[in-house]
Protein backbone atom coordinates (compact mmCIF):
# COMPACT_ATOMS: atom_id res chain seq x y z
CA MET A 1 2.45 -9.77 -20.03
CA LYS A 2 3.04 -8.79 -16.30
CA LEU A 3 2.10 -5.61 -14.66
CA VAL A 4 2.86 -4.51 -11.19
CA ILE A 5 0.28 -1.85 -10.46
CA GLN A 6 0.83 0.78 -7.50
CA ARG A 7 -1.80 3.39 -6.51
CA VAL A 8 0.62 6.32 -5.65
CA LYS A 9 0.47 9.89 -4.51
CA GLN A 10 3.57 10.78 -6.79
CA ALA A 11 5.68 8.73 -8.62
CA SER A 12 9.28 9.56 -11.00
CA VAL A 13 11.94 7.93 -12.79
CA SER A 14 15.39 9.23 -12.98
CA VAL A 15 18.37 8.00 -15.17
CA ASP A 16 22.07 9.06 -14.45
CA GLY A 17 20.56 11.26 -11.66
CA LYS A 18 18.34 13.26 -13.88
CA ARG A 19 14.72 12.96 -13.71
CA ILE A 20 13.25 11.95 -16.77
CA SER A 21 9.48 11.49 -15.93
CA LYS A 22 7.03 12.61 -12.95
CA ILE A 23 3.50 12.12 -12.07
CA GLY A 24 1.22 13.43 -9.10
CA PRO A 25 -1.59 11.08 -7.71
CA GLY A 26 -2.07 7.99 -10.28
CA LEU A 27 -0.87 4.62 -11.12
CA LEU A 28 2.68 3.26 -11.07
CA VAL A 29 3.10 0.41 -13.69
CA LEU A 30 6.03 -1.67 -13.91
CA ALA A 31 5.61 -3.81 -17.08
CA GLY A 32 7.31 -6.69 -17.97
CA VAL A 33 6.88 -8.62 -21.37
CA SER A 34 7.23 -12.35 -22.05
CA HIS A 35 8.30 -14.05 -25.16
CA SER A 36 4.94 -15.30 -25.68
CA ASP A 37 3.23 -12.27 -25.48
CA THR A 38 1.42 -10.60 -28.48
CA PRO A 39 0.10 -7.29 -29.36
CA PHE A 40 -3.34 -8.19 -28.35
CA ASP A 41 -1.79 -8.65 -24.65
CA ALA A 42 -0.35 -5.42 -24.30
CA ARG A 43 -3.91 -3.80 -25.69
CA HIS A 44 -5.70 -6.00 -23.22
CA MET A 45 -3.53 -4.86 -20.12
CA ALA A 46 -3.71 -1.00 -21.45
CA ARG A 47 -7.31 -1.56 -21.29
CA LYS A 48 -7.45 -3.24 -17.70
CA THR A 49 -4.99 -0.52 -16.44
CA ALA A 50 -7.01 2.12 -17.68
CA LYS A 51 -10.44 0.53 -16.06
CA LEU A 52 -9.10 -0.59 -12.76
CA ARG A 53 -11.38 0.72 -10.19
CA ILE A 54 -8.97 1.22 -7.24
CA PHE A 55 -9.51 4.83 -6.18
CA GLN A 56 -11.57 5.65 -3.53
CA ASP A 57 -15.21 7.00 -4.04
CA GLU A 58 -17.14 9.53 -1.72
CA ASP A 59 -17.74 6.52 0.55
CA GLY A 60 -14.10 5.08 1.04
CA LYS A 61 -14.47 2.13 -1.37
CA MET A 62 -12.49 1.41 -4.07
CA ASN A 63 -14.74 2.34 -6.79
CA ARG A 64 -13.09 4.55 -9.32
CA SER A 65 -10.66 4.30 -11.80
CA VAL A 66 -7.68 6.59 -12.91
CA GLU A 67 -9.83 8.33 -15.03
CA GLU A 68 -12.41 9.22 -12.62
CA VAL A 69 -9.84 10.79 -10.47
CA GLY A 70 -7.88 12.52 -12.98
CA GLY A 71 -5.00 10.63 -11.93
CA GLU A 72 -1.87 10.31 -14.37
CA ILE A 73 0.22 7.00 -15.51
CA LEU A 74 3.57 6.51 -15.03
CA ALA A 75 4.85 3.16 -17.38
CA VAL A 76 8.07 1.50 -16.49
CA SER A 77 9.45 -1.25 -18.16
CA GLN A 78 10.84 -4.19 -16.24
CA PHE A 79 12.06 -7.21 -17.72
CA THR A 80 12.88 -8.71 -13.93
CA LEU A 81 9.06 -9.46 -13.45
CA TYR A 82 9.84 -12.63 -15.58
CA GLY A 83 13.10 -13.75 -13.33
CA ASP A 84 12.70 -17.19 -12.21
CA CYS A 85 14.33 -18.08 -8.85
CA THR A 86 13.12 -21.60 -8.40
CA LYS A 87 16.29 -22.94 -8.88
CA GLY A 88 19.63 -21.68 -7.35
CA ASN A 89 19.73 -18.28 -6.23
CA ARG A 90 20.43 -16.72 -9.66
CA PRO A 91 17.12 -15.51 -11.31
CA GLY A 92 16.86 -16.84 -15.04
CA TYR A 93 14.95 -14.90 -17.53
CA ILE A 94 14.01 -17.67 -20.29
CA GLU A 95 10.48 -16.19 -19.83
CA ALA A 96 11.38 -12.64 -20.67
CA ALA A 97 11.28 -11.14 -24.15
CA ARG A 98 14.23 -10.31 -25.64
CA PRO A 99 14.81 -6.74 -26.05
CA GLY A 100 13.31 -5.92 -29.53
CA GLN A 101 10.21 -7.69 -28.78
CA GLY A 102 9.97 -6.37 -25.30
CA GLU A 103 10.41 -2.83 -26.49
CA ALA A 104 7.86 -3.34 -29.10
CA LEU A 105 5.20 -4.65 -26.99
CA PHE A 106 6.09 -2.40 -24.18
CA ASN A 107 5.58 0.53 -26.79
CA GLU A 108 2.28 -0.97 -27.90
CA TYR A 109 0.88 -1.03 -24.35
CA VAL A 110 1.85 2.75 -23.81
CA GLN A 111 0.40 3.59 -27.39
CA ALA A 112 -2.89 1.67 -26.42
CA LEU A 113 -2.93 3.64 -23.02
CA GLU A 114 -2.75 7.06 -25.39
CA LYS A 115 -5.50 5.93 -27.68
CA LEU A 116 -7.57 5.16 -24.48
CA GLY A 117 -7.04 9.19 -23.54
CA PHE A 118 -4.34 8.00 -20.88
CA PRO A 119 -0.97 9.41 -22.42
CA PRO A 120 1.62 7.86 -19.91
CA LYS A 121 4.81 9.30 -18.77
CA THR A 122 7.40 6.54 -19.12
CA GLY A 123 10.83 5.54 -18.21
CA GLU A 124 13.76 4.63 -20.47
CA PHE A 125 13.39 1.25 -21.81
CA GLY A 126 16.43 -0.93 -21.12
CA GLY A 127 17.93 1.92 -19.14
CA ASP A 128 19.49 1.94 -15.64
CA MET A 129 16.58 3.93 -13.83
CA GLN A 130 15.79 4.75 -10.35
CA VAL A 131 12.03 4.78 -9.82
CA GLU A 132 10.81 6.80 -6.53
CA LEU A 133 7.33 6.67 -5.28
CA LEU A 134 4.73 7.44 -2.47
CA ASN A 135 2.50 4.76 -2.37
CA ASP A 136 -0.96 5.07 -1.60
CA GLY A 137 -2.75 3.01 0.59
CA PRO A 138 -0.61 1.25 0.02
CA VAL A 139 -2.86 -0.43 -3.09
CA THR A 140 -0.60 -2.70 -5.16
CA LEU A 141 -2.01 -5.44 -7.97
CA LEU A 142 -0.54 -7.98 -10.07
CA LEU A 143 -2.00 -8.26 -13.50
CA GLU A 144 -1.17 -11.33 -15.84
CA SER A 145 -2.33 -11.72 -19.44
CA THR A 146 -0.12 -14.44 -21.47
CA GLY A 147 -0.74 -15.56 -25.15
CA ARG A 148 -3.79 -13.69 -26.17
CA THR A 149 -4.64 -14.04 -29.70
CA LYS A 150 -7.96 -12.47 -29.78
CA GLU A 151 -9.56 -8.96 -28.29
């Protein structure tokens, strides 16, 4: 599983010109699922997302989690994170999960965040989405977890 996590002042997702989700300060998470990912990966990544200390404390150091600052999470599925551009100019997606598996593991990630006390807003799985965001910092991290079999 690959996550691109951006600290944002605000973010939203629209489909067909209609806004379906919006958050204020918090995290925008673009989530890609690989065919080798497991439910353990999804739950592990949810814990990492919730505990990341990337918000500033009173001394200006990145030392607070999304929970500590009362932030929100917007999770958006994005299979293109597994695009392979090493050969030619057209990305290949052989590492990306098939839609059924991808949706199930993305939902596992979302449900794990909910169980941790962070019910995220989401995009529309497989939809043609437009994502708007106002980066904060900017702070952008890439997290990867592949093939975990134990928690």
